[in-house]
Amino acid sequence: MSEPTPGVAAAVEGELRLMDPMVRASTELLVQVLHPDFHEVDTTGRHWDRAMVITSLISDEAPRPGQLTASRMRGVQLADELVHVTFDTEAKGKRAHRSSLWRLTEAGWLLYYHQATPFVTPADADEPEAGR
């Protein structure tokens, strides 16, 4: 297996940085990672822009997902200035497939687009739902 390109390494590092609760609670740190034209589609299908995400994350009322665990993280350099990263996350029993695009800017690699899609494993599907 070959070593990741510098762009892939930077994008993966950025994804891991965004999972840090200290980063998620700091406007100063978030603007260092999120592209000015950043957009996200969350696990509910809601669309967010950079300002909305930052305001939501730093709010005292922001939901805290707890420990976020990432797995199967991979990156592909699509072009000199574009990296695609995919991975899965789990927090409080909720799982999501995630996909991100990172763009190289004068400030370095910044998260340009992110989408999360919830999923269940076959074992989860076999468990009875509450209230059934």
N, C-alpha and C. Protein backbone atom coordinates (compact mmCIF):
# COMPACT_ATOMS: atom_id res chain seq x y z
N MET A 1 0.85 -1.18 0.00
CA MET A 1 0.00 0.00 0.00
C MET A 1 0.89 1.24 0.00
N SER A 2 0.62 2.16 -0.89
CA SER A 2 1.46 3.35 -1.01
C SER A 2 1.09 4.40 0.04
N GLU A 3 2.03 5.27 0.30
CA GLU A 3 1.82 6.37 1.24
C GLU A 3 0.80 7.35 0.65
N PRO A 4 -0.02 7.96 1.50
CA PRO A 4 -0.98 8.94 0.98
C PRO A 4 -0.25 10.17 0.46
N THR A 5 -0.89 10.85 -0.48
CA THR A 5 -0.33 12.10 -0.97
C THR A 5 -0.37 13.12 0.16
N PRO A 6 0.43 14.19 0.07
CA PRO A 6 0.35 15.23 1.11
C PRO A 6 -1.07 15.81 1.25
N GLY A 7 -1.79 15.92 0.15
CA GLY A 7 -3.16 16.43 0.22
C GLY A 7 -4.09 15.50 0.98
N VAL A 8 -3.98 14.20 0.72
CA VAL A 8 -4.81 13.23 1.43
C VAL A 8 -4.46 13.24 2.92
N ALA A 9 -3.16 13.27 3.22
CA ALA A 9 -2.74 13.30 4.63
C ALA A 9 -3.29 14.54 5.33
N ALA A 10 -3.26 15.69 4.66
CA ALA A 10 -3.76 16.93 5.26
C ALA A 10 -5.28 16.87 5.46
N ALA A 11 -5.99 16.30 4.50
CA ALA A 11 -7.45 16.20 4.61
C ALA A 11 -7.85 15.26 5.75
N VAL A 12 -7.17 14.12 5.85
CA VAL A 12 -7.46 13.18 6.95
C VAL A 12 -7.16 13.84 8.29
N GLU A 13 -6.04 14.54 8.36
CA GLU A 13 -5.70 15.27 9.60
C GLU A 13 -6.78 16.29 9.93
N GLY A 14 -7.29 16.98 8.90
CA GLY A 14 -8.36 17.95 9.12
C GLY A 14 -9.64 17.31 9.62
N GLU A 15 -9.98 16.15 9.06
CA GLU A 15 -11.18 15.43 9.53
C GLU A 15 -11.04 15.06 11.00
N LEU A 16 -9.89 14.53 11.36
CA LEU A 16 -9.66 14.15 12.75
C LEU A 16 -9.68 15.37 13.66
N ARG A 17 -9.16 16.47 13.17
CA ARG A 17 -9.17 17.71 13.95
C ARG A 17 -10.61 18.18 14.21
N LEU A 18 -11.47 18.02 13.20
CA LEU A 18 -12.86 18.45 13.35
C LEU A 18 -13.65 17.58 14.33
N MET A 19 -13.13 16.43 14.68
CA MET A 19 -13.79 15.58 15.68
C MET A 19 -13.42 15.96 17.10
N ASP A 20 -12.43 16.84 17.25
CA ASP A 20 -11.97 17.28 18.56
C ASP A 20 -13.00 18.26 19.15
N PRO A 21 -13.55 17.97 20.33
CA PRO A 21 -14.53 18.87 20.94
C PRO A 21 -14.01 20.30 21.12
N MET A 22 -12.72 20.46 21.36
CA MET A 22 -12.14 21.81 21.51
C MET A 22 -12.25 22.60 20.20
N VAL A 23 -12.01 21.94 19.08
CA VAL A 23 -12.12 22.61 17.78
C VAL A 23 -13.58 22.92 17.50
N ARG A 24 -14.47 21.97 17.76
CA ARG A 24 -15.89 22.14 17.48
C ARG A 24 -16.53 23.25 18.31
N ALA A 25 -15.89 23.66 19.38
CA ALA A 25 -16.44 24.71 20.25
C ALA A 25 -15.77 26.07 20.06
N SER A 26 -14.90 26.20 19.05
CA SER A 26 -14.14 27.43 18.87
C SER A 26 -14.32 28.02 17.47
N THR A 27 -14.88 29.21 17.41
CA THR A 27 -15.00 29.89 16.12
C THR A 27 -13.63 30.06 15.49
N GLU A 28 -12.66 30.48 16.26
CA GLU A 28 -11.31 30.71 15.75
C GLU A 28 -10.73 29.45 15.09
N LEU A 29 -10.92 28.30 15.72
CA LEU A 29 -10.38 27.06 15.17
C LEU A 29 -11.22 26.55 13.99
N LEU A 30 -12.52 26.71 14.05
CA LEU A 30 -13.37 26.26 12.95
C LEU A 30 -13.09 27.02 11.66
N VAL A 31 -12.86 28.33 11.74
CA VAL A 31 -12.60 29.10 10.52
C VAL A 31 -11.24 28.73 9.91
N GLN A 32 -10.38 28.10 10.69
CA GLN A 32 -9.10 27.63 10.16
C GLN A 32 -9.24 26.33 9.36
N VAL A 33 -10.39 25.66 9.50
CA VAL A 33 -10.60 24.36 8.86
C VAL A 33 -11.69 24.41 7.78
N LEU A 34 -12.70 25.27 7.97
CA LEU A 34 -13.83 25.32 7.05
C LEU A 34 -13.61 26.37 5.96
N HIS A 35 -13.76 25.97 4.71
CA HIS A 35 -13.64 26.86 3.56
C HIS A 35 -14.71 27.96 3.65
N PRO A 36 -14.43 29.17 3.20
CA PRO A 36 -15.45 30.23 3.25
C PRO A 36 -16.75 29.85 2.53
N ASP A 37 -16.67 29.00 1.50
CA ASP A 37 -17.86 28.55 0.77
C ASP A 37 -18.34 27.18 1.22
N PHE A 38 -17.99 26.77 2.43
CA PHE A 38 -18.35 25.46 2.96
C PHE A 38 -19.87 25.25 2.97
N HIS A 39 -20.26 24.01 2.64
CA HIS A 39 -21.66 23.58 2.73
C HIS A 39 -21.69 22.15 3.24
N GLU A 40 -22.77 21.81 3.93
CA GLU A 40 -22.94 20.47 4.47
C GLU A 40 -24.39 20.04 4.34
N VAL A 41 -24.58 18.74 4.11
CA VAL A 41 -25.89 18.13 4.21
C VAL A 41 -25.76 17.13 5.35
N ASP A 42 -26.54 17.34 6.43
CA ASP A 42 -26.39 16.50 7.62
C ASP A 42 -27.21 15.21 7.51
N THR A 43 -27.20 14.42 8.58
CA THR A 43 -27.85 13.12 8.56
C THR A 43 -29.37 13.19 8.44
N THR A 44 -29.94 14.38 8.64
CA THR A 44 -31.39 14.55 8.47
C THR A 44 -31.75 15.09 7.09
N GLY A 45 -30.74 15.43 6.29
CA GLY A 45 -30.97 16.01 4.98
C GLY A 45 -30.96 17.53 4.99
N ARG A 46 -30.74 18.12 6.15
CA ARG A 46 -30.73 19.58 6.27
C ARG A 46 -29.45 20.14 5.68
N HIS A 47 -29.58 21.25 4.96
CA HIS A 47 -28.45 21.94 4.35
C HIS A 47 -27.93 23.03 5.28
N TRP A 48 -26.61 23.10 5.43
CA TRP A 48 -25.96 24.09 6.28
C TRP A 48 -24.88 24.81 5.48
N ASP A 49 -24.69 26.10 5.77
CA ASP A 49 -23.53 26.80 5.23
C ASP A 49 -22.53 27.02 6.37
N ARG A 50 -21.41 27.61 6.06
CA ARG A 50 -20.34 27.78 7.06
C ARG A 50 -20.82 28.54 8.29
N ALA A 51 -21.46 29.67 8.08
CA ALA A 51 -21.90 30.50 9.21
C ALA A 51 -22.89 29.74 10.09
N MET A 52 -23.81 29.00 9.48
CA MET A 52 -24.80 28.24 10.24
C MET A 52 -24.12 27.15 11.07
N VAL A 53 -23.16 26.46 10.49
CA VAL A 53 -22.45 25.39 11.20
C VAL A 53 -21.69 25.95 12.39
N ILE A 54 -20.95 27.03 12.16
CA ILE A 54 -20.16 27.61 13.24
C ILE A 54 -21.07 28.10 14.36
N THR A 55 -22.13 28.82 14.02
CA THR A 55 -23.07 29.31 15.03
C THR A 55 -23.66 28.16 15.83
N SER A 56 -24.05 27.10 15.14
CA SER A 56 -24.65 25.95 15.82
C SER A 56 -23.65 25.25 16.73
N LEU A 57 -22.43 25.03 16.25
CA LEU A 57 -21.44 24.29 17.04
C LEU A 57 -20.99 25.03 18.29
N ILE A 58 -20.86 26.35 18.20
CA ILE A 58 -20.34 27.09 19.36
C ILE A 58 -21.42 27.49 20.35
N SER A 59 -22.68 27.29 19.98
CA SER A 59 -23.80 27.64 20.85
C SER A 59 -23.75 26.85 22.14
N ASP A 60 -24.13 27.51 23.24
CA ASP A 60 -24.22 26.82 24.52
C ASP A 60 -25.28 25.72 24.48
N GLU A 61 -26.27 25.86 23.61
CA GLU A 61 -27.34 24.88 23.49
C GLU A 61 -27.02 23.79 22.47
N ALA A 62 -25.85 23.84 21.86
CA ALA A 62 -25.50 22.86 20.83
C ALA A 62 -25.50 21.45 21.41
N PRO A 63 -26.12 20.51 20.69
CA PRO A 63 -26.09 19.13 21.17
C PRO A 63 -24.65 18.62 21.14
N ARG A 64 -24.26 17.92 22.15
CA ARG A 64 -22.91 17.35 22.22
C ARG A 64 -23.01 15.86 21.93
N PRO A 65 -22.45 15.42 20.79
CA PRO A 65 -22.62 14.03 20.40
C PRO A 65 -21.86 13.05 21.29
N GLY A 66 -21.02 13.55 22.17
CA GLY A 66 -20.19 12.64 22.97
C GLY A 66 -19.01 12.18 22.14
N GLN A 67 -18.41 11.09 22.57
CA GLN A 67 -17.24 10.56 21.87
C GLN A 67 -17.63 10.14 20.46
N LEU A 68 -16.97 10.68 19.47
CA LEU A 68 -17.21 10.35 18.06
C LEU A 68 -16.09 9.42 17.62
N THR A 69 -16.45 8.24 17.14
CA THR A 69 -15.48 7.25 16.69
C THR A 69 -15.54 7.17 15.17
N ALA A 70 -14.39 7.27 14.54
CA ALA A 70 -14.30 7.17 13.08
C ALA A 70 -13.65 5.85 12.69
N SER A 71 -14.11 5.30 11.58
CA SER A 71 -13.52 4.08 11.04
C SER A 71 -13.54 4.13 9.52
N ARG A 72 -12.77 3.25 8.93
CA ARG A 72 -12.70 3.08 7.46
C ARG A 72 -12.40 4.40 6.74
N MET A 73 -11.56 5.25 7.32
CA MET A 73 -11.24 6.53 6.69
C MET A 73 -10.27 6.31 5.53
N ARG A 74 -10.64 6.84 4.37
CA ARG A 74 -9.79 6.77 3.19
C ARG A 74 -9.88 8.08 2.43
N GLY A 75 -8.81 8.38 1.74
CA GLY A 75 -8.79 9.58 0.94
C GLY A 75 -8.25 9.30 -0.45
N VAL A 76 -8.73 10.08 -1.41
CA VAL A 76 -8.29 9.98 -2.80
C VAL A 76 -8.03 11.39 -3.31
N GLN A 77 -6.86 11.58 -3.89
CA GLN A 77 -6.53 12.87 -4.50
C GLN A 77 -7.19 12.89 -5.87
N LEU A 78 -8.22 13.72 -6.05
CA LEU A 78 -8.94 13.81 -7.31
C LEU A 78 -8.27 14.74 -8.31
N ALA A 79 -7.62 15.75 -7.79
CA ALA A 79 -6.90 16.73 -8.61
C ALA A 79 -5.85 17.38 -7.71
N ASP A 80 -4.99 18.20 -8.26
CA ASP A 80 -3.94 18.83 -7.45
C ASP A 80 -4.51 19.58 -6.25
N GLU A 81 -5.69 20.16 -6.43
CA GLU A 81 -6.27 21.00 -5.37
C GLU A 81 -7.55 20.43 -4.79
N LEU A 82 -7.78 19.11 -4.95
CA LEU A 82 -9.04 18.53 -4.48
C LEU A 82 -8.83 17.10 -3.97
N VAL A 83 -9.30 16.85 -2.74
CA VAL A 83 -9.22 15.53 -2.10
C VAL A 83 -10.61 15.12 -1.65
N HIS A 84 -10.93 13.84 -1.88
CA HIS A 84 -12.20 13.27 -1.41
C HIS A 84 -11.88 12.30 -0.28
N VAL A 85 -12.55 12.49 0.87
CA VAL A 85 -12.36 11.62 2.03
C VAL A 85 -13.69 10.97 2.37
N THR A 86 -13.66 9.65 2.62
CA THR A 86 -14.84 8.93 3.06
C THR A 86 -14.51 8.20 4.35
N PHE A 87 -15.52 8.08 5.22
CA PHE A 87 -15.33 7.36 6.47
C PHE A 87 -16.69 7.14 7.13
N ASP A 88 -16.70 6.32 8.15
CA ASP A 88 -17.90 6.09 8.94
C ASP A 88 -17.68 6.64 10.33
N THR A 89 -18.76 7.07 10.98
CA THR A 89 -18.68 7.52 12.37
C THR A 89 -19.76 6.84 13.19
N GLU A 90 -19.49 6.81 14.49
CA GLU A 90 -20.48 6.33 15.45
C GLU A 90 -20.38 7.20 16.69
N ALA A 91 -21.53 7.62 17.19
CA ALA A 91 -21.64 8.39 18.42
C ALA A 91 -22.97 8.07 19.07
N LYS A 92 -22.91 7.65 20.31
CA LYS A 92 -24.12 7.32 21.06
C LYS A 92 -25.01 6.34 20.30
N GLY A 93 -24.39 5.36 19.64
CA GLY A 93 -25.13 4.33 18.92
C GLY A 93 -25.64 4.73 17.56
N LYS A 94 -25.43 5.96 17.14
CA LYS A 94 -25.85 6.42 15.81
C LYS A 94 -24.66 6.35 14.87
N ARG A 95 -24.90 5.78 13.68
CA ARG A 95 -23.83 5.62 12.70
C ARG A 95 -24.13 6.44 11.45
N ALA A 96 -23.05 6.89 10.79
CA ALA A 96 -23.21 7.64 9.54
C ALA A 96 -22.04 7.35 8.61
N HIS A 97 -22.37 7.19 7.32
CA HIS A 97 -21.36 7.19 6.26
C HIS A 97 -21.10 8.67 5.97
N ARG A 98 -19.83 9.04 5.85
CA ARG A 98 -19.49 10.44 5.62
C ARG A 98 -18.62 10.60 4.39
N SER A 99 -18.80 11.71 3.71
CA SER A 99 -18.06 12.02 2.50
C SER A 99 -17.72 13.51 2.52
N SER A 100 -16.45 13.82 2.29
CA SER A 100 -15.99 15.22 2.34
C SER A 100 -15.12 15.55 1.14
N LEU A 101 -15.22 16.80 0.71
CA LEU A 101 -14.30 17.33 -0.29
C LEU A 101 -13.46 18.42 0.35
N TRP A 102 -12.16 18.31 0.19
CA TRP A 102 -11.20 19.26 0.73
C TRP A 102 -10.52 19.97 -0.43
N ARG A 103 -10.43 21.31 -0.34
CA ARG A 103 -9.80 22.11 -1.39
C ARG A 103 -8.54 22.79 -0.87
N LEU A 104 -7.54 22.80 -1.72
CA LEU A 104 -6.30 23.50 -1.39
C LEU A 104 -6.48 24.98 -1.68
N THR A 105 -6.21 25.81 -0.68
CA THR A 105 -6.32 27.27 -0.81
C THR A 105 -5.00 27.89 -0.38
N GLU A 106 -4.91 29.19 -0.45
CA GLU A 106 -3.70 29.88 0.02
C GLU A 106 -3.49 29.64 1.52
N ALA A 107 -4.57 29.36 2.25
CA ALA A 107 -4.49 29.11 3.69
C ALA A 107 -4.21 27.64 4.00
N GLY A 108 -4.16 26.79 2.97
CA GLY A 108 -3.94 25.36 3.16
C GLY A 108 -5.19 24.58 2.76
N TRP A 109 -5.27 23.33 3.21
CA TRP A 109 -6.41 22.46 2.88
C TRP A 109 -7.59 22.79 3.78
N LEU A 110 -8.74 23.12 3.14
CA LEU A 110 -9.94 23.48 3.89
C LEU A 110 -11.11 22.61 3.44
N LEU A 111 -11.97 22.30 4.39
CA LEU A 111 -13.15 21.49 4.11
C LEU A 111 -14.15 22.33 3.31
N TYR A 112 -14.46 21.87 2.12
CA TYR A 112 -15.33 22.59 1.19
C TYR A 112 -16.76 22.06 1.22
N TYR A 113 -16.92 20.73 1.33
CA TYR A 113 -18.25 20.13 1.31
C TYR A 113 -18.25 18.86 2.16
N HIS A 114 -19.34 18.64 2.89
CA HIS A 114 -19.46 17.44 3.71
C HIS A 114 -20.89 16.93 3.66
N GLN A 115 -21.04 15.60 3.58
CA GLN A 115 -22.36 14.99 3.63
C GLN A 115 -22.31 13.77 4.53
N ALA A 116 -23.35 13.59 5.34
CA ALA A 116 -23.46 12.45 6.23
C ALA A 116 -24.78 11.74 5.97
N THR A 117 -24.71 10.42 5.86
CA THR A 117 -25.89 9.61 5.62
C THR A 117 -25.99 8.56 6.72
N PRO A 118 -27.09 8.55 7.49
CA PRO A 118 -27.21 7.55 8.55
C PRO A 118 -27.33 6.15 7.97
N PHE A 119 -26.86 5.16 8.74
CA PHE A 119 -27.01 3.77 8.31
C PHE A 119 -27.12 2.87 9.53
N VAL A 120 -27.67 1.70 9.30
CA VAL A 120 -27.72 0.66 10.33
C VAL A 120 -27.04 -0.57 9.75
N THR A 121 -26.48 -1.38 10.63
CA THR A 121 -25.88 -2.64 10.21
C THR A 121 -26.98 -3.70 10.22
N PRO A 122 -26.78 -4.82 9.55
CA PRO A 122 -27.80 -5.87 9.58
C PRO A 122 -28.16 -6.29 11.01
N ALA A 123 -27.20 -6.31 11.91
CA ALA A 123 -27.49 -6.67 13.31
C ALA A 123 -28.42 -5.64 13.95
N ASP A 124 -28.22 -4.35 13.62
CA ASP A 124 -29.10 -3.30 14.16
C ASP A 124 -30.53 -3.47 13.66
N ALA A 125 -30.67 -3.86 12.41
CA ALA A 125 -31.99 -4.01 11.81
C ALA A 125 -32.77 -5.14 12.46
N ASP A 126 -32.08 -6.13 13.03
CA ASP A 126 -32.74 -7.26 13.68
C ASP A 126 -33.25 -6.94 15.07
N GLU A 127 -32.73 -5.85 15.67
CA GLU A 127 -33.14 -5.50 17.04
C GLU A 127 -34.53 -4.91 17.03
N PRO A 128 -35.38 -5.29 17.99
CA PRO A 128 -36.74 -4.71 18.04
C PRO A 128 -36.67 -3.23 18.39
N GLU A 129 -37.53 -2.45 17.77
CA GLU A 129 -37.58 -1.02 18.07
C GLU A 129 -38.32 -0.80 19.38
N ALA A 130 -37.94 0.26 20.06
CA ALA A 130 -38.61 0.61 21.31
C ALA A 130 -40.08 0.90 21.02
N GLY A 131 -40.93 0.42 21.87
CA GLY A 131 -42.35 0.72 21.71
C GLY A 131 -43.08 -0.21 20.77
N ARG A 132 -42.42 -1.18 20.22
CA ARG A 132 -43.07 -2.12 19.32
C ARG A 132 -43.77 -3.20 20.05
